[in-house]
Amino acid sequence: MPRWGAAVVVAGLLAWAALATPLSVTVGEYFAYYDPQSDPERLAHHRDLAAHVYTTGHWFGQLIAALVGVWLVARSGAYRPATVIRAALIGVLLGLGTGTVAIAAGIPRLRTTGYPSVAPDPTMLSDPAVRWCLFASLTCFPLWTLIGAAIARLMRRRAMLAAVVTVLCQPATLVLTVGAVAPPSSHPVAVAVIADAGRGALMMPAILLAWAALATAAAILVSRRRTGRFHT
């Protein structure tokens, strides 16, 4: 894929993060605290909704981040430290871009949807649980990029096969309870489970970090065996 193609994909991701906010509101209302009666329950509902709205585009964005890792290795034709670092940095930028757009599009929705009247901060951006959820999800972006790059190397830079394997990694996590055996992403079920968990939300990137470390180590080992050293 040419560079302009990558730019189009990234632009599409950011557009999706903005345009899909109404969908995230609908999904968030479905997964949020059911039938709230008291003010604390309404606040919990509003918190759950905020976690969904502010992670709009994250699942798709993490998939794009993984495919960017595949593209970088397939395009460069080598798995070098510089390529790995570049992949991680691009993952960070994708996460920041997606997160910024999702938050900017979500703030007006949170002021008018859910139960903003019971929240000290209707946007919920000052809520610790929402912040931990956002941080955990955004951390997954560079980790997915590293996993994509490692998969591309392990597949001997066969871009199409590596892309297929990378895509298949994501649907395996539609239920967070399988997170111990499959790398998790910030899909709605995961967000619903961790929205009130506070620091427990870090379980999501912690599991993914282990997978990224394992995949990267395996890719480095394969590179050393084939070249005699890990190129610098």
C-alpha atoms as a PDB file:
ATOM      1  CA  MET A   1       0.000   0.000   0.000  1.00  0.00           C
ATOM      2  CA  PRO A   2       1.390   3.441  -0.935  1.00  0.00           C
ATOM      3  CA  ARG A   3       1.868   6.189   1.640  1.00  0.00           C
ATOM      4  CA  TRP A   4      -1.198   8.073   0.437  1.00  0.00           C
ATOM      5  CA  GLY A   5      -3.195   4.923   1.053  1.00  0.00           C
ATOM      6  CA  ALA A   6      -2.009   4.847   4.671  1.00  0.00           C
ATOM      7  CA  ALA A   7      -3.020   8.503   5.026  1.00  0.00           C
ATOM      8  CA  VAL A   8      -6.499   7.709   3.694  1.00  0.00           C
ATOM      9  CA  VAL A   9      -6.881   4.846   6.187  1.00  0.00           C
ATOM     10  CA  VAL A  10      -5.864   7.067   9.114  1.00  0.00           C
ATOM     11  CA  ALA A  11      -8.204   9.842   7.951  1.00  0.00           C
ATOM     12  CA  GLY A  12     -11.001   7.289   7.696  1.00  0.00           C
ATOM     13  CA  LEU A  13     -10.283   6.115  11.247  1.00  0.00           C
ATOM     14  CA  LEU A  14     -10.505   9.647  12.640  1.00  0.00           C
ATOM     15  CA  ALA A  15     -13.691  10.311  10.677  1.00  0.00           C
ATOM     16  CA  TRP A  16     -15.207   7.101  12.018  1.00  0.00           C
ATOM     17  CA  ALA A  17     -14.278   8.058  15.594  1.00  0.00           C
ATOM     18  CA  ALA A  18     -16.255  11.272  15.140  1.00  0.00           C
ATOM     19  CA  LEU A  19     -19.219   9.970  13.140  1.00  0.00           C
ATOM     20  CA  ALA A  20     -19.766   6.804  15.201  1.00  0.00           C
ATOM     21  CA  THR A  21     -20.432   8.694  18.437  1.00  0.00           C
ATOM     22  CA  PRO A  22     -24.243   8.258  18.172  1.00  0.00           C
ATOM     23  CA  LEU A  23     -23.703   4.508  17.762  1.00  0.00           C
ATOM     24  CA  SER A  24     -21.522   4.456  20.874  1.00  0.00           C
ATOM     25  CA  VAL A  25     -24.242   6.288  22.789  1.00  0.00           C
ATOM     26  CA  THR A  26     -26.733   3.585  21.787  1.00  0.00           C
ATOM     27  CA  VAL A  27     -24.358   0.767  22.704  1.00  0.00           C
ATOM     28  CA  GLY A  28     -23.370   2.517  25.913  1.00  0.00           C
ATOM     29  CA  GLU A  29     -26.995   2.938  26.970  1.00  0.00           C
ATOM     30  CA  TYR A  30     -27.497  -0.794  26.409  1.00  0.00           C
ATOM     31  CA  PHE A  31     -24.470  -1.878  28.461  1.00  0.00           C
ATOM     32  CA  ALA A  32     -24.688   0.838  31.136  1.00  0.00           C
ATOM     33  CA  TYR A  33     -26.096   0.323  34.635  1.00  0.00           C
ATOM     34  CA  TYR A  34     -29.529  -1.210  34.086  1.00  0.00           C
ATOM     35  CA  ASP A  35     -32.682   0.616  35.228  1.00  0.00           C
ATOM     36  CA  PRO A  36     -31.072   3.146  37.588  1.00  0.00           C
ATOM     37  CA  GLN A  37     -33.395   4.369  40.340  1.00  0.00           C
ATOM     38  CA  SER A  38     -31.269   6.306  42.833  1.00  0.00           C
ATOM     39  CA  ASP A  39     -28.829   9.120  42.117  1.00  0.00           C
ATOM     40  CA  PRO A  40     -25.789   6.880  42.771  1.00  0.00           C
ATOM     41  CA  GLU A  41     -27.182   4.366  40.272  1.00  0.00           C
ATOM     42  CA  ARG A  42     -27.832   7.141  37.749  1.00  0.00           C
ATOM     43  CA  LEU A  43     -24.274   8.339  38.227  1.00  0.00           C
ATOM     44  CA  ALA A  44     -23.009   4.789  37.600  1.00  0.00           C
ATOM     45  CA  HIS A  45     -25.099   4.697  34.418  1.00  0.00           C
ATOM     46  CA  HIS A  46     -23.647   8.019  33.283  1.00  0.00           C
ATOM     47  CA  ARG A  47     -20.124   6.787  34.053  1.00  0.00           C
ATOM     48  CA  ASP A  48     -20.623   3.636  32.001  1.00  0.00           C
ATOM     49  CA  LEU A  49     -21.998   5.700  29.132  1.00  0.00           C
ATOM     50  CA  ALA A  50     -18.991   8.028  29.245  1.00  0.00           C
ATOM     51  CA  ALA A  51     -16.577   5.097  29.052  1.00  0.00           C
ATOM     52  CA  HIS A  52     -18.274   3.869  25.881  1.00  0.00           C
ATOM     53  CA  VAL A  53     -18.584   7.266  24.234  1.00  0.00           C
ATOM     54  CA  TYR A  54     -14.975   8.258  24.882  1.00  0.00           C
ATOM     55  CA  THR A  55     -13.651   4.974  23.490  1.00  0.00           C
ATOM     56  CA  THR A  56     -15.501   5.392  20.205  1.00  0.00           C
ATOM     57  CA  GLY A  57     -13.339   4.100  17.380  1.00  0.00           C
ATOM     58  CA  HIS A  58     -10.846   2.417  19.707  1.00  0.00           C
ATOM     59  CA  TRP A  59     -11.564  -1.154  18.626  1.00  0.00           C
ATOM     60  CA  PHE A  60     -11.301  -0.236  14.952  1.00  0.00           C
ATOM     61  CA  GLY A  61      -8.328   2.001  15.707  1.00  0.00           C
ATOM     62  CA  GLN A  62      -6.434  -0.786  17.450  1.00  0.00           C
ATOM     63  CA  LEU A  63      -7.066  -3.058  14.498  1.00  0.00           C
ATOM     64  CA  ILE A  64      -5.712  -0.353  12.175  1.00  0.00           C
ATOM     65  CA  ALA A  65      -2.704   0.043  14.494  1.00  0.00           C
ATOM     66  CA  ALA A  66      -1.967  -3.674  14.224  1.00  0.00           C
ATOM     67  CA  LEU A  67      -2.236  -3.566  10.436  1.00  0.00           C
ATOM     68  CA  VAL A  68       0.091  -0.544  10.372  1.00  0.00           C
ATOM     69  CA  GLY A  69       2.667  -2.689  12.163  1.00  0.00           C
ATOM     70  CA  VAL A  70       2.248  -5.349   9.492  1.00  0.00           C
ATOM     71  CA  TRP A  71       2.581  -2.726   6.743  1.00  0.00           C
ATOM     72  CA  LEU A  72       5.762  -1.215   8.188  1.00  0.00           C
ATOM     73  CA  VAL A  73       7.597  -4.532   8.331  1.00  0.00           C
ATOM     74  CA  ALA A  74       6.303  -5.742   4.959  1.00  0.00           C
ATOM     75  CA  ARG A  75       7.227  -2.414   3.350  1.00  0.00           C
ATOM     76  CA  SER A  76      10.715  -2.152   4.861  1.00  0.00           C
ATOM     77  CA  GLY A  77      11.499  -5.798   4.172  1.00  0.00           C
ATOM     78  CA  ALA A  78      13.264  -6.152   7.519  1.00  0.00           C
ATOM     79  CA  TYR A  79      12.540  -6.350  11.236  1.00  0.00           C
ATOM     80  CA  ARG A  80      14.940  -3.876  12.823  1.00  0.00           C
ATOM     81  CA  PRO A  81      14.936  -2.018  16.164  1.00  0.00           C
ATOM     82  CA  ALA A  82      14.279   1.211  14.261  1.00  0.00           C
ATOM     83  CA  THR A  83      11.228  -0.362  12.622  1.00  0.00           C
ATOM     84  CA  VAL A  84       9.919  -1.609  15.965  1.00  0.00           C
ATOM     85  CA  ILE A  85      10.373   1.799  17.609  1.00  0.00           C
ATOM     86  CA  ARG A  86       8.718   3.522  14.673  1.00  0.00           C
ATOM     87  CA  ALA A  87       5.792   1.126  14.878  1.00  0.00           C
ATOM     88  CA  ALA A  88       5.321   1.865  18.590  1.00  0.00           C
ATOM     89  CA  LEU A  89       5.462   5.627  18.023  1.00  0.00           C
ATOM     90  CA  ILE A  90       2.909   5.437  15.218  1.00  0.00           C
ATOM     91  CA  GLY A  91       0.671   3.397  17.517  1.00  0.00           C
ATOM     92  CA  VAL A  92       0.918   6.127  20.164  1.00  0.00           C
ATOM     93  CA  LEU A  93       0.015   8.798  17.595  1.00  0.00           C
ATOM     94  CA  LEU A  94      -2.942   6.762  16.313  1.00  0.00           C
ATOM     95  CA  GLY A  95      -4.192   6.359  19.860  1.00  0.00           C
ATOM     96  CA  LEU A  96      -3.830  10.035  20.687  1.00  0.00           C
ATOM     97  CA  GLY A  97      -5.521  11.082  17.455  1.00  0.00           C
ATOM     98  CA  THR A  98      -8.418   8.668  17.847  1.00  0.00           C
ATOM     99  CA  GLY A  99      -8.811   9.474  21.532  1.00  0.00           C
ATOM    100  CA  THR A 100      -8.794  13.232  20.951  1.00  0.00           C
ATOM    101  CA  VAL A 101     -11.431  13.037  18.222  1.00  0.00           C
ATOM    102  CA  ALA A 102     -13.631  10.663  20.253  1.00  0.00           C
ATOM    103  CA  ILE A 103     -13.492  12.915  23.316  1.00  0.00           C
ATOM    104  CA  ALA A 104     -14.165  16.083  21.330  1.00  0.00           C
ATOM    105  CA  ALA A 105     -17.175  14.460  19.646  1.00  0.00           C
ATOM    106  CA  GLY A 106     -18.360  12.841  22.868  1.00  0.00           C
ATOM    107  CA  ILE A 107     -18.391  15.821  25.246  1.00  0.00           C
ATOM    108  CA  PRO A 108     -21.541  17.419  23.766  1.00  0.00           C
ATOM    109  CA  ARG A 109     -23.310  14.040  23.885  1.00  0.00           C
ATOM    110  CA  LEU A 110     -22.460  13.506  27.556  1.00  0.00           C
ATOM    111  CA  ARG A 111     -23.900  16.928  28.411  1.00  0.00           C
ATOM    112  CA  THR A 112     -27.280  15.987  26.936  1.00  0.00           C
ATOM    113  CA  THR A 113     -27.456  12.170  27.221  1.00  0.00           C
ATOM    114  CA  GLY A 114     -27.631   9.866  30.203  1.00  0.00           C
ATOM    115  CA  TYR A 115     -27.915  11.564  33.595  1.00  0.00           C
ATOM    116  CA  PRO A 116     -25.669  14.655  33.477  1.00  0.00           C
ATOM    117  CA  SER A 117     -27.696  16.378  36.217  1.00  0.00           C
ATOM    118  CA  VAL A 118     -26.496  13.964  38.920  1.00  0.00           C
ATOM    119  CA  ALA A 119     -22.808  14.210  37.948  1.00  0.00           C
ATOM    120  CA  PRO A 120     -20.510  16.848  39.482  1.00  0.00           C
ATOM    121  CA  ASP A 121     -18.825  16.883  36.071  1.00  0.00           C
ATOM    122  CA  PRO A 122     -21.368  16.048  33.319  1.00  0.00           C
ATOM    123  CA  THR A 123     -18.541  15.214  30.886  1.00  0.00           C
ATOM    124  CA  MET A 124     -17.151  12.653  33.389  1.00  0.00           C
ATOM    125  CA  LEU A 125     -13.608  13.418  32.224  1.00  0.00           C
ATOM    126  CA  SER A 126     -12.635  14.120  35.818  1.00  0.00           C
ATOM    127  CA  ASP A 127     -13.962  10.747  36.998  1.00  0.00           C
ATOM    128  CA  PRO A 128     -11.047   8.429  37.966  1.00  0.00           C
ATOM    129  CA  ALA A 129     -12.735   5.278  36.626  1.00  0.00           C
ATOM    130  CA  VAL A 130     -13.364   6.870  33.233  1.00  0.00           C
ATOM    131  CA  ARG A 131      -9.783   8.147  33.119  1.00  0.00           C
ATOM    132  CA  TRP A 132      -8.359   4.719  33.924  1.00  0.00           C
ATOM    133  CA  CYS A 133     -10.571   3.151  31.267  1.00  0.00           C
ATOM    134  CA  LEU A 134      -9.381   5.665  28.680  1.00  0.00           C
ATOM    135  CA  PHE A 135      -5.737   5.243  29.648  1.00  0.00           C
ATOM    136  CA  ALA A 136      -5.989   1.461  29.503  1.00  0.00           C
ATOM    137  CA  SER A 137      -7.621   1.497  26.087  1.00  0.00           C
ATOM    138  CA  LEU A 138      -5.234   4.059  24.588  1.00  0.00           C
ATOM    139  CA  THR A 139      -2.253   2.064  25.851  1.00  0.00           C
ATOM    140  CA  CYS A 140      -3.407  -0.833  23.691  1.00  0.00           C
ATOM    141  CA  PHE A 141      -2.750   1.107  20.460  1.00  0.00           C
ATOM    142  CA  PRO A 142       1.087   0.892  20.433  1.00  0.00           C
ATOM    143  CA  LEU A 143       0.926  -2.638  21.837  1.00  0.00           C
ATOM    144  CA  TRP A 144      -1.224  -3.743  18.922  1.00  0.00           C
ATOM    145  CA  THR A 145       1.190  -2.072  16.502  1.00  0.00           C
ATOM    146  CA  LEU A 146       4.054  -4.058  18.014  1.00  0.00           C
ATOM    147  CA  ILE A 147       2.050  -7.269  17.746  1.00  0.00           C
ATOM    148  CA  GLY A 148       1.245  -6.555  14.097  1.00  0.00           C
ATOM    149  CA  ALA A 149       4.919  -5.919  13.316  1.00  0.00           C
ATOM    150  CA  ALA A 150       5.956  -9.131  15.067  1.00  0.00           C
ATOM    151  CA  ILE A 151       3.300 -11.171  13.242  1.00  0.00           C
ATOM    152  CA  ALA A 152       4.547  -9.790   9.920  1.00  0.00           C
ATOM    153  CA  ARG A 153       8.085 -10.914  10.753  1.00  0.00           C
ATOM    154  CA  LEU A 154       6.975 -14.338  11.965  1.00  0.00           C
ATOM    155  CA  MET A 155       5.020 -14.777   8.734  1.00  0.00           C
ATOM    156  CA  ARG A 156       8.235 -14.004   6.821  1.00  0.00           C
ATOM    157  CA  ARG A 157       6.857 -10.616   5.764  1.00  0.00           C
ATOM    158  CA  ARG A 158       3.980 -12.162   3.819  1.00  0.00           C
ATOM    159  CA  ALA A 159       1.799  -9.113   4.222  1.00  0.00           C
ATOM    160  CA  MET A 160      -1.545 -10.642   3.250  1.00  0.00           C
ATOM    161  CA  LEU A 161      -1.168 -13.689   5.494  1.00  0.00           C
ATOM    162  CA  ALA A 162       0.096 -11.555   8.374  1.00  0.00           C
ATOM    163  CA  ALA A 163      -2.856  -9.185   7.967  1.00  0.00           C
ATOM    164  CA  VAL A 164      -5.326 -12.083   8.079  1.00  0.00           C
ATOM    165  CA  VAL A 165      -3.742 -13.492  11.240  1.00  0.00           C
ATOM    166  CA  THR A 166      -3.772 -10.046  12.850  1.00  0.00           C
ATOM    167  CA  VAL A 167      -7.456  -9.517  12.068  1.00  0.00           C
ATOM    168  CA  LEU A 168      -8.329 -12.929  13.486  1.00  0.00           C
ATOM    169  CA  CYS A 169      -6.671 -11.979  16.794  1.00  0.00           C
ATOM    170  CA  GLN A 170      -9.336  -9.352  17.484  1.00  0.00           C
ATOM    171  CA  PRO A 171     -12.654 -11.224  17.101  1.00  0.00           C
ATOM    172  CA  ALA A 172     -11.313 -13.885  19.472  1.00  0.00           C
ATOM    173  CA  THR A 173     -11.867 -11.403  22.302  1.00  0.00           C
ATOM    174  CA  LEU A 174     -15.589 -10.637  21.981  1.00  0.00           C
ATOM    175  CA  VAL A 175     -15.912 -11.788  25.594  1.00  0.00           C
ATOM    176  CA  LEU A 176     -13.379 -10.385  28.053  1.00  0.00           C
ATOM    177  CA  THR A 177     -13.301 -13.606  30.059  1.00  0.00           C
ATOM    178  CA  VAL A 178     -11.110 -15.175  27.364  1.00  0.00           C
ATOM    179  CA  GLY A 179      -8.609 -12.351  27.823  1.00  0.00           C
ATOM    180  CA  ALA A 180      -6.173 -14.651  29.602  1.00  0.00           C
ATOM    181  CA  VAL A 181      -5.704 -16.694  26.454  1.00  0.00           C
ATOM    182  CA  ALA A 182      -6.254 -14.026  23.789  1.00  0.00           C
ATOM    183  CA  PRO A 183      -5.081 -10.421  23.603  1.00  0.00           C
ATOM    184  CA  PRO A 184      -7.978  -8.125  24.585  1.00  0.00           C
ATOM    185  CA  SER A 185      -9.124  -4.952  22.881  1.00  0.00           C
ATOM    186  CA  SER A 186     -11.472  -2.144  23.889  1.00  0.00           C
ATOM    187  CA  HIS A 187     -14.625  -3.562  22.362  1.00  0.00           C
ATOM    188  CA  PRO A 188     -17.958  -2.754  24.081  1.00  0.00           C
ATOM    189  CA  VAL A 189     -18.050  -5.843  26.280  1.00  0.00           C
ATOM    190  CA  ALA A 190     -14.573  -5.127  27.645  1.00  0.00           C
ATOM    191  CA  VAL A 191     -15.451  -1.486  28.312  1.00  0.00           C
ATOM    192  CA  ALA A 192     -18.671  -2.514  30.063  1.00  0.00           C
ATOM    193  CA  VAL A 193     -16.769  -4.853  32.365  1.00  0.00           C
ATOM    194  CA  ILE A 194     -13.994  -2.439  33.321  1.00  0.00           C
ATOM    195  CA  ALA A 195     -15.879   0.885  33.363  1.00  0.00           C
ATOM    196  CA  ASP A 196     -16.190   0.874  37.171  1.00  0.00           C
ATOM    197  CA  ALA A 197     -12.995  -1.040  37.864  1.00  0.00           C
ATOM    198  CA  GLY A 198     -10.679   1.952  38.346  1.00  0.00           C
ATOM    199  CA  ARG A 199      -7.112   0.765  38.187  1.00  0.00           C
ATOM    200  CA  GLY A 200      -8.428  -2.716  37.461  1.00  0.00           C
ATOM    201  CA  ALA A 201      -8.859  -1.483  33.903  1.00  0.00           C
ATOM    202  CA  LEU A 202      -5.092  -1.909  33.517  1.00  0.00           C
ATOM    203  CA  MET A 203      -5.723  -5.646  33.289  1.00  0.00           C
ATOM    204  CA  MET A 204      -6.553  -5.078  29.625  1.00  0.00           C
ATOM    205  CA  PRO A 205      -3.198  -3.572  28.526  1.00  0.00           C
ATOM    206  CA  ALA A 206      -1.301  -5.795  30.998  1.00  0.00           C
ATOM    207  CA  ILE A 207      -2.469  -8.926  29.194  1.00  0.00           C
ATOM    208  CA  LEU A 208      -1.803  -7.334  25.829  1.00  0.00           C
ATOM    209  CA  LEU A 209       1.680  -6.266  26.982  1.00  0.00           C
ATOM    210  CA  ALA A 210       2.495  -9.884  27.750  1.00  0.00           C
ATOM    211  CA  TRP A 211       1.360 -10.891  24.268  1.00  0.00           C
ATOM    212  CA  ALA A 212       3.332  -8.058  22.665  1.00  0.00           C
ATOM    213  CA  ALA A 213       6.473  -9.029  24.584  1.00  0.00           C
ATOM    214  CA  LEU A 214       6.075 -12.686  23.618  1.00  0.00           C
ATOM    215  CA  ALA A 215       5.444 -11.893  19.940  1.00  0.00           C
ATOM    216  CA  THR A 216       8.337  -9.409  19.771  1.00  0.00           C
ATOM    217  CA  ALA A 217      10.732 -11.853  21.445  1.00  0.00           C
ATOM    218  CA  ALA A 218       9.717 -14.567  18.997  1.00  0.00           C
ATOM    219  CA  ALA A 219      10.207 -12.212  16.034  1.00  0.00           C
ATOM    220  CA  ILE A 220      13.652 -11.193  17.292  1.00  0.00           C
ATOM    221  CA  LEU A 221      14.617 -14.839  17.759  1.00  0.00           C
ATOM    222  CA  VAL A 222      13.518 -15.684  14.230  1.00  0.00           C
ATOM    223  CA  SER A 223      15.454 -12.716  12.847  1.00  0.00           C
ATOM    224  CA  ARG A 224      18.627 -13.732  14.679  1.00  0.00           C
ATOM    225  CA  ARG A 225      18.391 -17.299  13.474  1.00  0.00           C
ATOM    226  CA  ARG A 226      17.997 -16.183   9.878  1.00  0.00           C
ATOM    227  CA  THR A 227      20.579 -13.411   9.818  1.00  0.00           C
ATOM    228  CA  GLY A 228      22.882 -14.336  12.653  1.00  0.00           C
ATOM    229  CA  ARG A 229      22.106 -11.109  14.476  1.00  0.00           C
ATOM    230  CA  PHE A 230      19.297  -8.600  15.097  1.00  0.00           C
ATOM    231  CA  HIS A 231      20.034  -5.849  12.597  1.00  0.00           C
ATOM    232  CA  THR A 232      20.514  -2.344  13.843  1.00  0.00           C
END
